């Protein structure tokens, strides 16, 4: 009888110890993990919790008609119309992630920087009319002060061609 009583007391003590360990261990482990990944979000050093390309305030949509410089489409909620020839803001870079070209016939189209001596940044050769979309996940980057133009051979197009450029602004 004494052996059974001692055995049950020992098993009860072990069960109690295991129960206490289960209740205490996750909190201690959680506290260690929280300490390791805690981010200080101050006004001097704000923590961005969203990819810059997804922030609505950073998105840019440009409309380019063949043979002319690109203009920015006005965001929703602002006065309708266009901003005169888009220039990348000072202290920022423009990252173009999508190029959509709409044309009425076969065309050779190029995206260039007129204020950088006409530096070509993209060339597309389309063998038929239609709407074509090109995705650039890592982006085509334009530096501060750049203007963009969409041109064909000799600076103009025989078939009507327009392009919509979508991207975002990042700080330098």
Protein backbone atom coordinates (compact mmCIF):
# COMPACT_ATOMS: atom_id res chain seq x y z
CA UNK A 1 0.00 0.00 0.00
CA UNK A 2 2.86 2.36 0.84
CA UNK A 3 4.55 1.58 -2.48
CA UNK A 4 1.35 2.38 -4.43
CA UNK A 5 0.90 5.60 -2.47
CA UNK A 6 4.51 6.68 -3.17
CA UNK A 7 4.19 5.77 -6.85
CA UNK A 8 0.97 7.77 -7.27
CA UNK A 9 2.49 10.72 -5.40
CA UNK A 10 5.57 10.60 -7.66
CA UNK A 11 3.46 10.38 -10.85
CA UNK A 12 1.29 13.25 -9.62
CA UNK A 13 4.39 15.39 -8.95
CA UNK A 14 5.75 14.63 -12.43
CA UNK A 15 2.39 15.45 -14.06
CA UNK A 16 2.23 18.74 -12.12
CA UNK A 17 5.79 19.65 -13.14
CA UNK A 18 5.08 18.90 -16.82
CA UNK A 19 1.86 20.96 -16.69
CA UNK A 20 3.68 23.93 -15.20
CA UNK A 21 6.46 23.62 -17.76
CA UNK A 22 3.92 23.62 -20.64
CA UNK A 23 2.22 26.75 -19.27
CA UNK A 24 5.47 28.65 -18.67
CA UNK A 25 7.63 27.65 -21.67
CA UNK A 26 5.60 29.22 -24.54
CA UNK A 27 5.49 32.61 -22.82
CA UNK A 28 9.23 32.61 -22.24
CA UNK A 29 9.95 31.52 -25.81
CA UNK A 30 7.48 34.08 -27.14
CA UNK A 31 9.14 36.86 -25.11
CA UNK A 32 12.54 35.97 -26.59
CA UNK A 33 11.18 36.01 -30.16
CA UNK A 34 9.32 39.31 -29.65
CA UNK A 35 12.52 40.89 -28.30
CA UNK A 36 14.48 39.73 -31.35
CA UNK A 37 12.05 41.07 -33.98
CA UNK A 38 10.72 44.20 -32.34
CA UNK A 39 10.95 47.30 -34.59
CA UNK A 40 11.20 50.82 -33.24
CA UNK A 41 8.73 52.93 -35.23
CA UNK A 42 9.61 56.54 -34.46
CA UNK A 43 8.93 59.73 -36.42
CA UNK A 44 12.66 60.10 -37.08
CA UNK A 45 12.94 56.51 -38.36
CA UNK A 46 9.51 55.26 -39.51
CA UNK A 47 9.09 51.57 -40.22
CA UNK A 48 7.47 50.96 -43.62
CA UNK A 49 5.21 47.95 -43.37
CA UNK A 50 4.23 47.80 -47.03
CA UNK A 51 6.21 47.37 -50.24
CA UNK A 52 6.92 50.85 -51.69
CA UNK A 53 5.50 49.82 -55.08
CA UNK A 54 2.12 49.12 -53.38
CA UNK A 55 1.78 52.54 -51.71
CA UNK A 56 -0.88 54.54 -53.58
CA UNK A 57 0.97 57.81 -52.94
CA UNK A 58 4.01 56.50 -54.82
CA UNK A 59 2.25 55.06 -57.91
CA UNK A 60 2.69 56.84 -61.24
CA UNK A 61 0.78 56.28 -64.48
CA UNK A 62 2.05 57.93 -67.64
CA UNK A 63 0.42 58.25 -71.05
CA UNK A 64 2.66 58.58 -74.07
CA UNK A 65 1.43 59.31 -77.58
CA UNK A 66 3.86 58.38 -80.33
CA UNK A 67 6.41 61.06 -81.09
CA UNK A 68 5.82 63.08 -77.91
CA UNK A 69 6.95 63.25 -74.32
CA UNK A 70 4.97 61.40 -71.68
CA UNK A 71 2.43 63.07 -69.41
CA UNK A 72 1.13 61.89 -66.05
CA UNK A 73 -2.45 60.74 -65.76
CA UNK A 74 -4.07 62.63 -62.89
CA UNK A 75 -4.86 60.37 -59.91
CA UNK A 76 -8.48 59.88 -58.80
CA UNK A 77 -9.89 62.66 -56.64
CA UNK A 78 -7.86 65.40 -58.34
CA UNK A 79 -8.86 67.85 -61.06
CA UNK A 80 -9.32 66.02 -64.39
CA UNK A 81 -6.71 66.61 -67.05
CA UNK A 82 -3.04 66.01 -67.57
CA UNK A 83 0.14 67.28 -66.01
CA UNK A 84 2.46 68.80 -68.62
CA UNK A 85 5.38 66.57 -69.61
CA UNK A 86 6.27 64.35 -66.68
CA UNK A 87 9.65 64.86 -65.00
CA UNK A 88 10.95 62.54 -62.28
CA UNK A 89 10.90 64.58 -59.02
CA UNK A 90 14.17 65.75 -57.46
CA UNK A 91 15.56 63.26 -54.94
CA UNK A 92 13.58 60.38 -56.44
CA UNK A 93 13.78 57.69 -59.11
CA UNK A 94 10.95 56.36 -61.24
CA UNK A 95 10.67 52.58 -61.61
CA UNK A 96 8.51 51.50 -64.60
CA UNK A 97 7.08 48.00 -64.06
CA UNK A 98 4.49 47.74 -66.86
CA UNK A 99 4.48 49.01 -70.44
CA UNK A 100 1.26 48.69 -72.46
CA UNK A 101 1.53 49.60 -76.14
CA UNK A 102 -1.59 50.16 -78.25
CA UNK A 103 -1.04 50.45 -82.00
CA UNK A 104 -3.12 50.31 -85.17
CA UNK A 105 -0.37 48.61 -87.21
CA UNK A 106 3.09 47.07 -87.11
CA UNK A 107 5.57 49.38 -85.46
CA UNK A 108 9.00 49.74 -83.91
CA UNK A 109 8.68 51.71 -80.65
CA UNK A 110 11.26 52.99 -78.22
CA UNK A 111 11.16 54.56 -74.76
CA UNK A 112 13.82 57.23 -74.36
CA UNK A 113 15.08 60.10 -72.21
CA UNK A 114 15.14 63.26 -74.40
CA UNK A 115 16.89 65.32 -71.70
CA UNK A 116 19.71 62.73 -71.57
CA UNK A 117 20.60 63.03 -75.26
CA UNK A 118 17.78 60.69 -76.36
CA UNK A 119 19.13 57.72 -74.38
CA UNK A 120 17.07 54.65 -75.33
CA UNK A 121 15.71 52.68 -72.38
CA UNK A 122 13.48 50.18 -74.19
CA UNK A 123 12.76 48.97 -77.72
CA UNK A 124 9.73 46.96 -78.87
CA UNK A 125 9.15 45.66 -82.40
CA UNK A 126 5.50 44.75 -82.98
CA UNK A 127 4.53 42.99 -86.20
CA UNK A 128 0.79 43.75 -86.06
CA UNK A 129 -1.69 46.18 -84.58
CA UNK A 130 -3.24 45.51 -81.17
CA UNK A 131 -2.70 46.00 -77.48
CA UNK A 132 0.50 44.55 -76.02
CA UNK A 133 1.54 44.50 -72.37
CA UNK A 134 5.07 43.95 -71.06
CA UNK A 135 5.87 43.34 -67.37
CA UNK A 136 9.21 44.22 -65.77
CA UNK A 137 9.18 42.99 -62.14
CA UNK A 138 12.56 44.57 -61.32
CA UNK A 139 11.61 47.68 -63.31
CA UNK A 140 13.16 50.11 -65.78
CA UNK A 141 14.68 52.88 -63.64
CA UNK A 142 14.76 56.58 -64.55
CA UNK A 143 16.80 58.95 -62.39
CA UNK A 144 15.97 62.35 -60.89
CA UNK A 145 15.05 65.01 -63.46
CA UNK A 146 14.45 62.52 -66.29
CA UNK A 147 11.73 63.14 -68.85
CA UNK A 148 10.34 60.23 -70.86
CA UNK A 149 9.37 60.06 -74.53
CA UNK A 150 7.83 57.30 -76.62
CA UNK A 151 9.08 57.41 -80.22
CA UNK A 152 9.10 55.47 -83.44
CA UNK A 153 11.76 55.56 -86.15
CA UNK A 154 12.62 59.18 -86.91
CA UNK A 155 10.68 60.38 -83.82
CA UNK A 156 7.16 59.65 -85.09
CA UNK A 157 4.85 56.78 -86.01
CA UNK A 158 3.06 55.88 -89.24
CA UNK A 159 0.27 53.95 -87.45
CA UNK A 160 -1.29 55.62 -84.41
CA UNK A 161 0.56 54.37 -81.35
CA UNK A 162 0.19 55.16 -77.67
CA UNK A 163 1.69 53.68 -74.54
CA UNK A 164 0.63 53.51 -70.90
CA UNK A 165 3.50 53.24 -68.44
CA UNK A 166 2.86 52.15 -64.86
CA UNK A 167 5.41 52.39 -62.08
CA UNK A 168 6.28 53.96 -58.77
CA UNK A 169 8.56 56.58 -57.23
CA UNK A 170 11.31 55.68 -54.76
CA UNK A 171 13.53 58.04 -52.77
CA UNK A 172 17.21 58.18 -53.73
